[in-house]
PDB file of all heavy atoms in Angstrom:
ATOM      1  N   PHE A   1       0.839  -1.196   0.000  1.00  0.00           N
ATOM      2  CA  PHE A   1       0.000  -0.001   0.001  1.00  0.00           C
ATOM      3  C   PHE A   1       0.872   1.252   0.002  1.00  0.00           C
ATOM      4  O   PHE A   1       1.963   1.258   0.561  1.00  0.00           O
ATOM      5  CB  PHE A   1      -0.935  -0.019   1.202  1.00  0.00           C
ATOM      6  CG  PHE A   1      -1.906  -1.163   1.169  1.00  0.00           C
ATOM      7  CD1 PHE A   1      -1.600  -2.360   1.793  1.00  0.00           C
ATOM      8  CD2 PHE A   1      -3.100  -1.062   0.480  1.00  0.00           C
ATOM      9  CE1 PHE A   1      -2.475  -3.435   1.740  1.00  0.00           C
ATOM     10  CE2 PHE A   1      -3.974  -2.127   0.423  1.00  0.00           C
ATOM     11  CZ  PHE A   1      -3.670  -3.313   1.051  1.00  0.00           C
ATOM     12  N   GLY A   2       0.370   2.287  -0.645  1.00  0.00           N
ATOM     13  CA  GLY A   2       1.155   3.515  -0.808  1.00  0.00           C
ATOM     14  C   GLY A   2       1.117   4.440   0.387  1.00  0.00           C
ATOM     15  O   GLY A   2       0.976   5.653   0.232  1.00  0.00           O
ATOM     16  N   VAL A   3       1.202   3.886   1.584  1.00  0.00           N
ATOM     17  CA  VAL A   3       1.228   4.684   2.808  1.00  0.00           C
ATOM     18  C   VAL A   3       2.363   4.185   3.684  1.00  0.00           C
ATOM     19  O   VAL A   3       2.878   3.080   3.491  1.00  0.00           O
ATOM     20  CB  VAL A   3      -0.113   4.591   3.589  1.00  0.00           C
ATOM     21  CG1 VAL A   3      -1.267   5.094   2.739  1.00  0.00           C
ATOM     22  CG2 VAL A   3      -0.388   3.159   4.031  1.00  0.00           C
ATOM     23  N   ARG A   4       2.772   4.985   4.624  1.00  0.00           N
ATOM     24  CA  ARG A   4       3.796   4.569   5.585  1.00  0.00           C
ATOM     25  C   ARG A   4       3.292   4.909   6.984  1.00  0.00           C
ATOM     26  O   ARG A   4       2.924   6.053   7.261  1.00  0.00           O
ATOM     27  CB  ARG A   4       5.125   5.269   5.303  1.00  0.00           C
ATOM     28  CG  ARG A   4       6.303   4.637   6.057  1.00  0.00           C
ATOM     29  CD  ARG A   4       7.608   5.354   5.712  1.00  0.00           C
ATOM     30  NE  ARG A   4       7.947   5.253   4.318  1.00  0.00           N
ATOM     31  CZ  ARG A   4       8.626   4.245   3.786  1.00  0.00           C
ATOM     32  NH1 ARG A   4       9.009   3.231   4.543  1.00  0.00           N
ATOM     33  NH2 ARG A   4       8.908   4.218   2.491  1.00  0.00           N
ATOM     34  N   LEU A   5       3.240   3.890   7.854  1.00  0.00           N
ATOM     35  CA  LEU A   5       2.709   4.056   9.203  1.00  0.00           C
ATOM     36  C   LEU A   5       3.818   3.856  10.225  1.00  0.00           C
ATOM     37  O   LEU A   5       4.713   3.034  10.028  1.00  0.00           O
ATOM     38  CB  LEU A   5       1.585   3.053   9.463  1.00  0.00           C
ATOM     39  CG  LEU A   5       0.406   3.092   8.478  1.00  0.00           C
ATOM     40  CD1 LEU A   5      -0.567   1.962   8.789  1.00  0.00           C
ATOM     41  CD2 LEU A   5      -0.305   4.427   8.537  1.00  0.00           C
ATOM     42  N   ALA A   6       3.734   4.607  11.312  1.00  0.00           N
ATOM     43  CA  ALA A   6       4.750   4.493  12.359  1.00  0.00           C
ATOM     44  C   ALA A   6       4.626   3.149  13.056  1.00  0.00           C
ATOM     45  O   ALA A   6       3.531   2.617  13.244  1.00  0.00           O
ATOM     46  CB  ALA A   6       4.584   5.626  13.378  1.00  0.00           C
ATOM     47  N   ALA A   7       5.784   2.592  13.432  1.00  0.00           N
ATOM     48  CA  ALA A   7       5.796   1.312  14.148  1.00  0.00           C
ATOM     49  C   ALA A   7       4.967   1.436  15.428  1.00  0.00           C
ATOM     50  O   ALA A   7       5.112   2.385  16.193  1.00  0.00           O
ATOM     51  CB  ALA A   7       7.231   0.919  14.476  1.00  0.00           C
ATOM     52  N   GLY A   8       4.095   0.455  15.645  1.00  0.00           N
ATOM     53  CA  GLY A   8       3.272   0.447  16.842  1.00  0.00           C
ATOM     54  C   GLY A   8       2.113   1.420  16.823  1.00  0.00           C
ATOM     55  O   GLY A   8       1.405   1.556  17.828  1.00  0.00           O
ATOM     56  N   SER A   9       1.899   2.092  15.698  1.00  0.00           N
ATOM     57  CA  SER A   9       0.823   3.079  15.615  1.00  0.00           C
ATOM     58  C   SER A   9      -0.537   2.383  15.624  1.00  0.00           C
ATOM     59  O   SER A   9      -0.663   1.199  15.297  1.00  0.00           O
ATOM     60  CB  SER A   9       0.955   3.920  14.345  1.00  0.00           C
ATOM     61  OG  SER A   9       0.785   3.104  13.192  1.00  0.00           O
ATOM     62  N   GLU A  10      -1.568   3.140  15.982  1.00  0.00           N
ATOM     63  CA  GLU A  10      -2.910   2.579  16.030  1.00  0.00           C
ATOM     64  C   GLU A  10      -3.324   2.083  14.646  1.00  0.00           C
ATOM     65  O   GLU A  10      -3.953   1.022  14.520  1.00  0.00           O
ATOM     66  CB  GLU A  10      -3.901   3.639  16.521  1.00  0.00           C
ATOM     67  CG  GLU A  10      -5.338   3.132  16.589  1.00  0.00           C
ATOM     68  CD  GLU A  10      -6.316   4.194  17.038  1.00  0.00           C
ATOM     69  OE1 GLU A  10      -5.852   5.286  17.443  1.00  0.00           O
ATOM     70  OE2 GLU A  10      -7.536   3.939  16.973  1.00  0.00           O
ATOM     71  N   GLY A  11      -2.949   2.831  13.599  1.00  0.00           N
ATOM     72  CA  GLY A  11      -3.317   2.429  12.246  1.00  0.00           C
ATOM     73  C   GLY A  11      -2.719   1.090  11.865  1.00  0.00           C
ATOM     74  O   GLY A  11      -3.386   0.247  11.236  1.00  0.00           O
ATOM     75  N   LEU A  12      -1.455   0.859  12.233  1.00  0.00           N
ATOM     76  CA  LEU A  12      -0.789  -0.392  11.896  1.00  0.00           C
ATOM     77  C   LEU A  12      -1.394  -1.558  12.689  1.00  0.00           C
ATOM     78  O   LEU A  12      -1.585  -2.653  12.151  1.00  0.00           O
ATOM     79  CB  LEU A  12       0.706  -0.279  12.169  1.00  0.00           C
ATOM     80  CG  LEU A  12       1.615  -1.333  11.531  1.00  0.00           C
ATOM     81  CD1 LEU A  12       1.387  -1.411  10.022  1.00  0.00           C
ATOM     82  CD2 LEU A  12       3.077  -1.023  11.834  1.00  0.00           C
ATOM     83  N   VAL A  13      -1.704  -1.310  13.945  1.00  0.00           N
ATOM     84  CA  VAL A  13      -2.314  -2.351  14.775  1.00  0.00           C
ATOM     85  C   VAL A  13      -3.689  -2.718  14.219  1.00  0.00           C
ATOM     86  O   VAL A  13      -4.044  -3.902  14.128  1.00  0.00           O
ATOM     87  CB  VAL A  13      -2.444  -1.871  16.234  1.00  0.00           C
ATOM     88  CG1 VAL A  13      -3.287  -2.841  17.056  1.00  0.00           C
ATOM     89  CG2 VAL A  13      -1.058  -1.718  16.866  1.00  0.00           C
ATOM     90  N   ARG A  14      -4.476  -1.717  13.819  1.00  0.00           N
ATOM     91  CA  ARG A  14      -5.794  -1.969  13.234  1.00  0.00           C
ATOM     92  C   ARG A  14      -5.662  -2.745  11.937  1.00  0.00           C
ATOM     93  O   ARG A  14      -6.456  -3.647  11.649  1.00  0.00           O
ATOM     94  CB  ARG A  14      -6.531  -0.658  12.987  1.00  0.00           C
ATOM     95  CG  ARG A  14      -7.066   0.021  14.232  1.00  0.00           C
ATOM     96  CD  ARG A  14      -7.823   1.279  13.858  1.00  0.00           C
ATOM     97  NE  ARG A  14      -8.928   0.974  12.958  1.00  0.00           N
ATOM     98  CZ  ARG A  14      -9.402   1.836  12.038  1.00  0.00           C
ATOM     99  NH1 ARG A  14      -8.838   3.011  11.880  1.00  0.00           N
ATOM    100  NH2 ARG A  14     -10.424   1.488  11.282  1.00  0.00           N
ATOM    101  N   PHE A  15      -4.674  -2.388  11.110  1.00  0.00           N
ATOM    102  CA  PHE A  15      -4.459  -3.078   9.838  1.00  0.00           C
ATOM    103  C   PHE A  15      -4.168  -4.554  10.074  1.00  0.00           C
ATOM    104  O   PHE A  15      -4.726  -5.423   9.399  1.00  0.00           O
ATOM    105  CB  PHE A  15      -3.299  -2.418   9.086  1.00  0.00           C
ATOM    106  CG  PHE A  15      -2.820  -3.214   7.906  1.00  0.00           C
ATOM    107  CD1 PHE A  15      -3.564  -3.285   6.744  1.00  0.00           C
ATOM    108  CD2 PHE A  15      -1.605  -3.894   7.957  1.00  0.00           C
ATOM    109  CE1 PHE A  15      -3.121  -4.034   5.658  1.00  0.00           C
ATOM    110  CE2 PHE A  15      -1.154  -4.635   6.886  1.00  0.00           C
ATOM    111  CZ  PHE A  15      -1.922  -4.708   5.724  1.00  0.00           C
ATOM    112  N   GLN A  16      -3.306  -4.861  11.032  1.00  0.00           N
ATOM    113  CA  GLN A  16      -2.957  -6.248  11.296  1.00  0.00           C
ATOM    114  C   GLN A  16      -4.143  -7.028  11.860  1.00  0.00           C
ATOM    115  O   GLN A  16      -4.372  -8.185  11.495  1.00  0.00           O
ATOM    116  CB  GLN A  16      -1.754  -6.306  12.239  1.00  0.00           C
ATOM    117  CG  GLN A  16      -0.474  -5.781  11.602  1.00  0.00           C
ATOM    118  CD  GLN A  16       0.679  -5.686  12.580  1.00  0.00           C
ATOM    119  OE1 GLN A  16       0.475  -5.562  13.774  1.00  0.00           O
ATOM    120  NE2 GLN A  16       1.892  -5.724  12.054  1.00  0.00           N
ATOM    121  N   ARG A  17      -4.926  -6.362  12.720  1.00  0.00           N
ATOM    122  CA  ARG A  17      -6.109  -7.038  13.282  1.00  0.00           C
ATOM    123  C   ARG A  17      -7.141  -7.292  12.186  1.00  0.00           C
ATOM    124  O   ARG A  17      -7.712  -8.386  12.092  1.00  0.00           O
ATOM    125  CB  ARG A  17      -6.707  -6.155  14.385  1.00  0.00           C
ATOM    126  CG  ARG A  17      -7.910  -6.807  15.085  1.00  0.00           C
ATOM    127  CD  ARG A  17      -8.339  -6.005  16.319  1.00  0.00           C
ATOM    128  NE  ARG A  17      -8.764  -4.654  15.966  1.00  0.00           N
ATOM    129  CZ  ARG A  17      -8.172  -3.545  16.396  1.00  0.00           C
ATOM    130  NH1 ARG A  17      -7.105  -3.629  17.183  1.00  0.00           N
ATOM    131  NH2 ARG A  17      -8.631  -2.374  16.052  1.00  0.00           N
ATOM    132  N   GLU A  18      -7.381  -6.313  11.347  1.00  0.00           N
ATOM    133  CA  GLU A  18      -8.328  -6.452  10.256  1.00  0.00           C
ATOM    134  C   GLU A  18      -7.882  -7.531   9.266  1.00  0.00           C
ATOM    135  O   GLU A  18      -8.692  -8.338   8.786  1.00  0.00           O
ATOM    136  CB  GLU A  18      -8.451  -5.107   9.533  1.00  0.00           C
ATOM    137  CG  GLU A  18      -9.437  -5.069   8.402  1.00  0.00           C
ATOM    138  CD  GLU A  18      -9.480  -3.698   7.756  1.00  0.00           C
ATOM    139  OE1 GLU A  18      -8.759  -2.786   8.196  1.00  0.00           O
ATOM    140  OE2 GLU A  18     -10.244  -3.557   6.782  1.00  0.00           O
ATOM    141  N   SER A  19      -6.574  -7.577   8.992  1.00  0.00           N
ATOM    142  CA  SER A  19      -6.036  -8.540   8.038  1.00  0.00           C
ATOM    143  C   SER A  19      -6.148  -9.962   8.573  1.00  0.00           C
ATOM    144  O   SER A  19      -6.391 -10.907   7.809  1.00  0.00           O
ATOM    145  CB  SER A  19      -4.576  -8.208   7.721  1.00  0.00           C
ATOM    146  OG  SER A  19      -4.475  -6.925   7.143  1.00  0.00           O
ATOM    147  N   ARG A  20      -5.963 -10.134   9.888  1.00  0.00           N
ATOM    148  CA  ARG A  20      -6.143 -11.464  10.473  1.00  0.00           C
ATOM    149  C   ARG A  20      -7.575 -11.948  10.271  1.00  0.00           C
ATOM    150  O   ARG A  20      -7.824 -13.116   9.993  1.00  0.00           O
ATOM    151  CB  ARG A  20      -5.799 -11.448  11.966  1.00  0.00           C
ATOM    152  CG  ARG A  20      -4.333 -11.681  12.261  1.00  0.00           C
ATOM    153  CD  ARG A  20      -4.119 -12.005  13.718  1.00  0.00           C
ATOM    154  NE  ARG A  20      -4.451 -10.887  14.583  1.00  0.00           N
ATOM    155  CZ  ARG A  20      -3.589  -9.931  14.926  1.00  0.00           C
ATOM    156  NH1 ARG A  20      -2.353  -9.955  14.466  1.00  0.00           N
ATOM    157  NH2 ARG A  20      -3.952  -8.940  15.710  1.00  0.00           N
ATOM    158  N   PHE A  21      -8.526 -11.022  10.418  1.00  0.00           N
ATOM    159  CA  PHE A  21      -9.930 -11.361  10.212  1.00  0.00           C
ATOM    160  C   PHE A  21     -10.165 -11.784   8.764  1.00  0.00           C
ATOM    161  O   PHE A  21     -10.784 -12.818   8.488  1.00  0.00           O
ATOM    162  CB  PHE A  21     -10.796 -10.146  10.570  1.00  0.00           C
ATOM    163  CG  PHE A  21     -12.282 -10.384  10.431  1.00  0.00           C
ATOM    164  CD1 PHE A  21     -12.873 -11.519  10.964  1.00  0.00           C
ATOM    165  CD2 PHE A  21     -13.072  -9.462   9.786  1.00  0.00           C
ATOM    166  CE1 PHE A  21     -14.240 -11.725  10.847  1.00  0.00           C
ATOM    167  CE2 PHE A  21     -14.436  -9.657   9.657  1.00  0.00           C
ATOM    168  CZ  PHE A  21     -15.030 -10.788  10.185  1.00  0.00           C
ATOM    169  N   LEU A  22      -9.620 -11.028   7.819  1.00  0.00           N
ATOM    170  CA  LEU A  22      -9.773 -11.380   6.399  1.00  0.00           C
ATOM    171  C   LEU A  22      -9.101 -12.718   6.092  1.00  0.00           C
ATOM    172  O   LEU A  22      -9.579 -13.485   5.259  1.00  0.00           O
ATOM    173  CB  LEU A  22      -9.165 -10.284   5.518  1.00  0.00           C
ATOM    174  CG  LEU A  22      -9.865  -8.930   5.538  1.00  0.00           C
ATOM    175  CD1 LEU A  22      -9.059  -7.912   4.748  1.00  0.00           C
ATOM    176  CD2 LEU A  22     -11.282  -9.028   4.992  1.00  0.00           C
ATOM    177  N   GLY A  23      -8.004 -12.990   6.780  1.00  0.00           N
ATOM    178  CA  GLY A  23      -7.289 -14.241   6.545  1.00  0.00           C
ATOM    179  C   GLY A  23      -8.057 -15.472   6.982  1.00  0.00           C
ATOM    180  O   GLY A  23      -7.720 -16.580   6.577  1.00  0.00           O
ATOM    181  N   SER A  24      -9.085 -15.277   7.792  1.00  0.00           N
ATOM    182  CA  SER A  24      -9.886 -16.412   8.233  1.00  0.00           C
ATOM    183  C   SER A  24     -10.944 -16.798   7.201  1.00  0.00           C
ATOM    184  O   SER A  24     -11.584 -17.838   7.333  1.00  0.00           O
ATOM    185  CB  SER A  24     -10.572 -16.089   9.565  1.00  0.00           C
ATOM    186  OG  SER A  24     -11.591 -15.115   9.394  1.00  0.00           O
ATOM    187  N   PHE A  25     -11.105 -15.981   6.163  1.00  0.00           N
ATOM    188  CA  PHE A  25     -12.143 -16.253   5.174  1.00  0.00           C
ATOM    189  C   PHE A  25     -11.705 -17.375   4.237  1.00  0.00           C
ATOM    190  O   PHE A  25     -10.600 -17.335   3.690  1.00  0.00           O
ATOM    191  CB  PHE A  25     -12.440 -15.006   4.334  1.00  0.00           C
ATOM    192  CG  PHE A  25     -13.122 -13.895   5.091  1.00  0.00           C
ATOM    193  CD1 PHE A  25     -13.430 -14.026   6.429  1.00  0.00           C
ATOM    194  CD2 PHE A  25     -13.453 -12.718   4.446  1.00  0.00           C
ATOM    195  CE1 PHE A  25     -14.055 -13.002   7.138  1.00  0.00           C
ATOM    196  CE2 PHE A  25     -14.088 -11.688   5.124  1.00  0.00           C
ATOM    197  CZ  PHE A  25     -14.387 -11.833   6.470  1.00  0.00           C
ATOM    198  N   LYS A  26     -12.580 -18.338   4.011  1.00  0.00           N
ATOM    199  CA  LYS A  26     -12.317 -19.434   3.080  1.00  0.00           C
ATOM    200  C   LYS A  26     -13.577 -19.674   2.255  1.00  0.00           C
ATOM    201  O   LYS A  26     -14.585 -20.144   2.777  1.00  0.00           O
ATOM    202  CB  LYS A  26     -11.923 -20.711   3.839  1.00  0.00           C
ATOM    203  CG  LYS A  26     -10.605 -20.602   4.560  1.00  0.00           C
ATOM    204  CD  LYS A  26     -10.255 -21.898   5.268  1.00  0.00           C
ATOM    205  CE  LYS A  26      -8.943 -21.785   6.022  1.00  0.00           C
ATOM    206  NZ  LYS A  26      -8.581 -23.027   6.734  1.00  0.00           N
ATOM    207  N   HIS A  27     -13.485 -19.317   0.990  1.00  0.00           N
ATOM    208  CA  HIS A  27     -14.623 -19.477   0.092  1.00  0.00           C
ATOM    209  C   HIS A  27     -14.082 -19.720  -1.315  1.00  0.00           C
ATOM    210  O   HIS A  27     -13.061 -19.147  -1.702  1.00  0.00           O
ATOM    211  CB  HIS A  27     -15.499 -18.220   0.119  1.00  0.00           C
ATOM    212  CG  HIS A  27     -16.796 -18.375  -0.601  1.00  0.00           C
ATOM    213  ND1 HIS A  27     -16.909 -18.210  -1.967  1.00  0.00           N
ATOM    214  CD2 HIS A  27     -18.057 -18.674  -0.159  1.00  0.00           C
ATOM    215  CE1 HIS A  27     -18.169 -18.402  -2.333  1.00  0.00           C
ATOM    216  NE2 HIS A  27     -18.877 -18.689  -1.256  1.00  0.00           N
ATOM    217  N   ASP A  28     -14.776 -20.570  -2.080  1.00  0.00           N
ATOM    218  CA  ASP A  28     -14.296 -20.935  -3.410  1.00  0.00           C
ATOM    219  C   ASP A  28     -14.141 -19.745  -4.343  1.00  0.00           C
ATOM    220  O   ASP A  28     -13.357 -19.789  -5.287  1.00  0.00           O
ATOM    221  CB  ASP A  28     -15.244 -21.950  -4.054  1.00  0.00           C
ATOM    222  CG  ASP A  28     -15.154 -23.317  -3.412  1.00  0.00           C
ATOM    223  OD1 ASP A  28     -14.064 -23.640  -2.888  1.00  0.00           O
ATOM    224  OD2 ASP A  28     -16.145 -24.050  -3.422  1.00  0.00           O
ATOM    225  N   HIS A  29     -14.880 -18.663  -4.098  1.00  0.00           N
ATOM    226  CA  HIS A  29     -14.851 -17.527  -5.013  1.00  0.00           C
ATOM    227  C   HIS A  29     -14.282 -16.262  -4.385  1.00  0.00           C
ATOM    228  O   HIS A  29     -14.505 -15.158  -4.885  1.00  0.00           O
ATOM    229  CB  HIS A  29     -16.248 -17.269  -5.573  1.00  0.00           C
ATOM    230  CG  HIS A  29     -16.831 -18.476  -6.253  1.00  0.00           C
ATOM    231  ND1 HIS A  29     -16.205 -19.091  -7.312  1.00  0.00           N
ATOM    232  CD2 HIS A  29     -17.948 -19.207  -5.998  1.00  0.00           C
ATOM    233  CE1 HIS A  29     -16.923 -20.143  -7.693  1.00  0.00           C
ATOM    234  NE2 HIS A  29     -17.965 -20.236  -6.901  1.00  0.00           N
ATOM    235  N   LEU A  30     -13.542 -16.437  -3.315  1.00  0.00           N
ATOM    236  CA  LEU A  30     -12.820 -15.319  -2.702  1.00  0.00           C
ATOM    237  C   LEU A  30     -11.326 -15.565  -2.818  1.00  0.00           C
ATOM    238  O   LEU A  30     -10.849 -16.683  -2.596  1.00  0.00           O
ATOM    239  CB  LEU A  30     -13.161 -15.191  -1.214  1.00  0.00           C
ATOM    240  CG  LEU A  30     -14.442 -14.463  -0.814  1.00  0.00           C
ATOM    241  CD1 LEU A  30     -14.584 -14.506   0.707  1.00  0.00           C
ATOM    242  CD2 LEU A  30     -14.440 -13.029  -1.303  1.00  0.00           C
ATOM    243  N   VAL A  31     -10.575 -14.527  -3.160  1.00  0.00           N
ATOM    244  CA  VAL A  31      -9.118 -14.631  -3.142  1.00  0.00           C
ATOM    245  C   VAL A  31      -8.667 -14.711  -1.677  1.00  0.00           C
ATOM    246  O   VAL A  31      -9.065 -13.879  -0.854  1.00  0.00           O
ATOM    247  CB  VAL A  31      -8.484 -13.407  -3.832  1.00  0.00           C
ATOM    248  CG1 VAL A  31      -6.967 -13.430  -3.674  1.00  0.00           C
ATOM    249  CG2 VAL A  31      -8.846 -13.384  -5.317  1.00  0.00           C
ATOM    250  N   ARG A  32      -7.854 -15.710  -1.363  1.00  0.00           N
ATOM    251  CA  ARG A  32      -7.389 -15.888   0.015  1.00  0.00           C
ATOM    252  C   ARG A  32      -6.336 -14.862   0.391  1.00  0.00           C
ATOM    253  O   ARG A  32      -5.512 -14.460  -0.422  1.00  0.00           O
ATOM    254  CB  ARG A  32      -6.775 -17.290   0.166  1.00  0.00           C
ATOM    255  CG  ARG A  32      -7.770 -18.428   0.092  1.00  0.00           C
ATOM    256  CD  ARG A  32      -8.617 -18.555   1.340  1.00  0.00           C
ATOM    257  NE  ARG A  32      -7.811 -18.625   2.537  1.00  0.00           N
ATOM    258  CZ  ARG A  32      -7.207 -19.724   2.990  1.00  0.00           C
ATOM    259  NH1 ARG A  32      -7.307 -20.850   2.318  1.00  0.00           N
ATOM    260  NH2 ARG A  32      -6.505 -19.694   4.099  1.00  0.00           N
ATOM    261  N   VAL A  33      -6.372 -14.432   1.636  1.00  0.00           N
ATOM    262  CA  VAL A  33      -5.316 -13.602   2.226  1.00  0.00           C
ATOM    263  C   VAL A  33      -4.454 -14.529   3.070  1.00  0.00           C
ATOM    264  O   VAL A  33      -4.930 -15.148   4.016  1.00  0.00           O
ATOM    265  CB  VAL A  33      -5.906 -12.475   3.093  1.00  0.00           C
ATOM    266  CG1 VAL A  33      -4.795 -11.713   3.805  1.00  0.00           C
ATOM    267  CG2 VAL A  33      -6.727 -11.514   2.237  1.00  0.00           C
ATOM    268  N   PHE A  34      -3.172 -14.648   2.718  1.00  0.00           N
ATOM    269  CA  PHE A  34      -2.277 -15.566   3.417  1.00  0.00           C
ATOM    270  C   PHE A  34      -1.506 -14.899   4.547  1.00  0.00           C
ATOM    271  O   PHE A  34      -1.230 -15.508   5.580  1.00  0.00           O
ATOM    272  CB  PHE A  34      -1.264 -16.155   2.427  1.00  0.00           C
ATOM    273  CG  PHE A  34      -1.857 -17.077   1.413  1.00  0.00           C
ATOM    274  CD1 PHE A  34      -1.482 -16.981   0.081  1.00  0.00           C
ATOM    275  CD2 PHE A  34      -2.785 -18.039   1.758  1.00  0.00           C
ATOM    276  CE1 PHE A  34      -2.023 -17.838  -0.877  1.00  0.00           C
ATOM    277  CE2 PHE A  34      -3.333 -18.897   0.813  1.00  0.00           C
ATOM    278  CZ  PHE A  34      -2.946 -18.793  -0.515  1.00  0.00           C
ATOM    279  N   ALA A  35      -1.075 -13.663   4.333  1.00  0.00           N
ATOM    280  CA  ALA A  35      -0.219 -13.012   5.325  1.00  0.00           C
ATOM    281  C   ALA A  35      -0.360 -11.506   5.215  1.00  0.00           C
ATOM    282  O   ALA A  35      -0.773 -10.972   4.187  1.00  0.00           O
ATOM    283  CB  ALA A  35       1.250 -13.413   5.109  1.00  0.00           C
ATOM    284  N   ALA A  36      -0.020 -10.832   6.298  1.00  0.00           N
ATOM    285  CA  ALA A  36      -0.049  -9.371   6.326  1.00  0.00           C
ATOM    286  C   ALA A  36       1.056  -8.892   7.245  1.00  0.00           C
ATOM    287  O   ALA A  36       1.475  -9.586   8.161  1.00  0.00           O
ATOM    288  CB  ALA A  36      -1.405  -8.868   6.812  1.00  0.00           C
ATOM    289  N   GLY A  37       1.509  -7.689   7.005  1.00  0.00           N
ATOM    290  CA  GLY A  37       2.548  -7.111   7.850  1.00  0.00           C
ATOM    291  C   GLY A  37       2.975  -5.792   7.282  1.00  0.00           C
ATOM    292  O   GLY A  37       2.192  -5.113   6.600  1.00  0.00           O
ATOM    293  N   ASP A  38       4.218  -5.416   7.525  1.00  0.00           N
ATOM    294  CA  ASP A  38       4.712  -4.160   6.967  1.00  0.00           C
ATOM    295  C   ASP A  38       6.208  -4.279   6.718  1.00  0.00           C
ATOM    296  O   ASP A  38       6.914  -5.026   7.390  1.00  0.00           O
ATOM    297  CB  ASP A  38       4.415  -2.975   7.893  1.00  0.00           C
ATOM    298  CG  ASP A  38       5.278  -3.003   9.156  1.00  0.00           C
ATOM    299  OD1 ASP A  38       4.976  -3.818  10.064  1.00  0.00           O
ATOM    300  OD2 ASP A  38       6.255  -2.241   9.222  1.00  0.00           O
ATOM    301  N   PHE A  39       6.667  -3.554   5.719  1.00  0.00           N
ATOM    302  CA  PHE A  39       8.084  -3.417   5.415  1.00  0.00           C
ATOM    303  C   PHE A  39       8.450  -1.965   5.710  1.00  0.00           C
ATOM    304  O   PHE A  39       8.062  -1.055   4.978  1.00  0.00           O
ATOM    305  CB  PHE A  39       8.389  -3.748   3.951  1.00  0.00           C
ATOM    306  CG  PHE A  39       8.020  -5.150   3.548  1.00  0.00           C
ATOM    307  CD1 PHE A  39       7.050  -5.374   2.590  1.00  0.00           C
ATOM    308  CD2 PHE A  39       8.634  -6.252   4.137  1.00  0.00           C
ATOM    309  CE1 PHE A  39       6.712  -6.660   2.205  1.00  0.00           C
ATOM    310  CE2 PHE A  39       8.300  -7.549   3.757  1.00  0.00           C
ATOM    311  CZ  PHE A  39       7.328  -7.755   2.789  1.00  0.00           C
ATOM    312  N   ASP A  40       9.166  -1.745   6.830  1.00  0.00           N
ATOM    313  CA  ASP A  40       9.543  -0.385   7.233  1.00  0.00           C
ATOM    314  C   ASP A  40       8.341   0.549   7.264  1.00  0.00           C
ATOM    315  O   ASP A  40       8.413   1.704   6.819  1.00  0.00           O
ATOM    316  CB  ASP A  40      10.615   0.185   6.295  1.00  0.00           C
ATOM    317  CG  ASP A  40      11.926  -0.580   6.394  1.00  0.00           C
ATOM    318  OD1 ASP A  40      12.234  -1.070   7.491  1.00  0.00           O
ATOM    319  OD2 ASP A  40      12.611  -0.700   5.368  1.00  0.00           O
ATOM    320  N   GLY A  41       7.228   0.065   7.791  1.00  0.00           N
ATOM    321  CA  GLY A  41       6.048   0.900   7.942  1.00  0.00           C
ATOM    322  C   GLY A  41       5.100   0.902   6.761  1.00  0.00           C
ATOM    323  O   GLY A  41       4.005   1.471   6.835  1.00  0.00           O
ATOM    324  N   VAL A  42       5.482   0.261   5.649  1.00  0.00           N
ATOM    325  CA  VAL A  42       4.608   0.156   4.472  1.00  0.00           C
ATOM    326  C   VAL A  42       3.801  -1.143   4.591  1.00  0.00           C
ATOM    327  O   VAL A  42       4.380  -2.227   4.514  1.00  0.00           O
ATOM    328  CB  VAL A  42       5.416   0.167   3.158  1.00  0.00           C
ATOM    329  CG1 VAL A  42       4.482  -0.029   1.964  1.00  0.00           C
ATOM    330  CG2 VAL A  42       6.198   1.466   3.026  1.00  0.00           C
ATOM    331  N   PRO A  43       2.485  -1.054   4.787  1.00  0.00           N
ATOM    332  CA  PRO A  43       1.681  -2.267   4.977  1.00  0.00           C
ATOM    333  C   PRO A  43       1.622  -3.109   3.707  1.00  0.00           C
ATOM    334  O   PRO A  43       1.677  -2.580   2.594  1.00  0.00           O
ATOM    335  CB  PRO A  43       0.289  -1.725   5.321  1.00  0.00           C
ATOM    336  CG  PRO A  43       0.508  -0.294   5.710  1.00  0.00           C
ATOM    337  CD  PRO A  43       1.679   0.163   4.901  1.00  0.00           C
TER     338      PRO A  43
END
């Protein structure tokens, strides 16, 4: 994503929590989310 978030910021924590939720989805017609994180603040 074209944003950069500070380490430990509320936005980054929310992103990781939201991504974990999306990663639990399993459906034949949904693209799976395998992993989420950040590279130097870039999610």
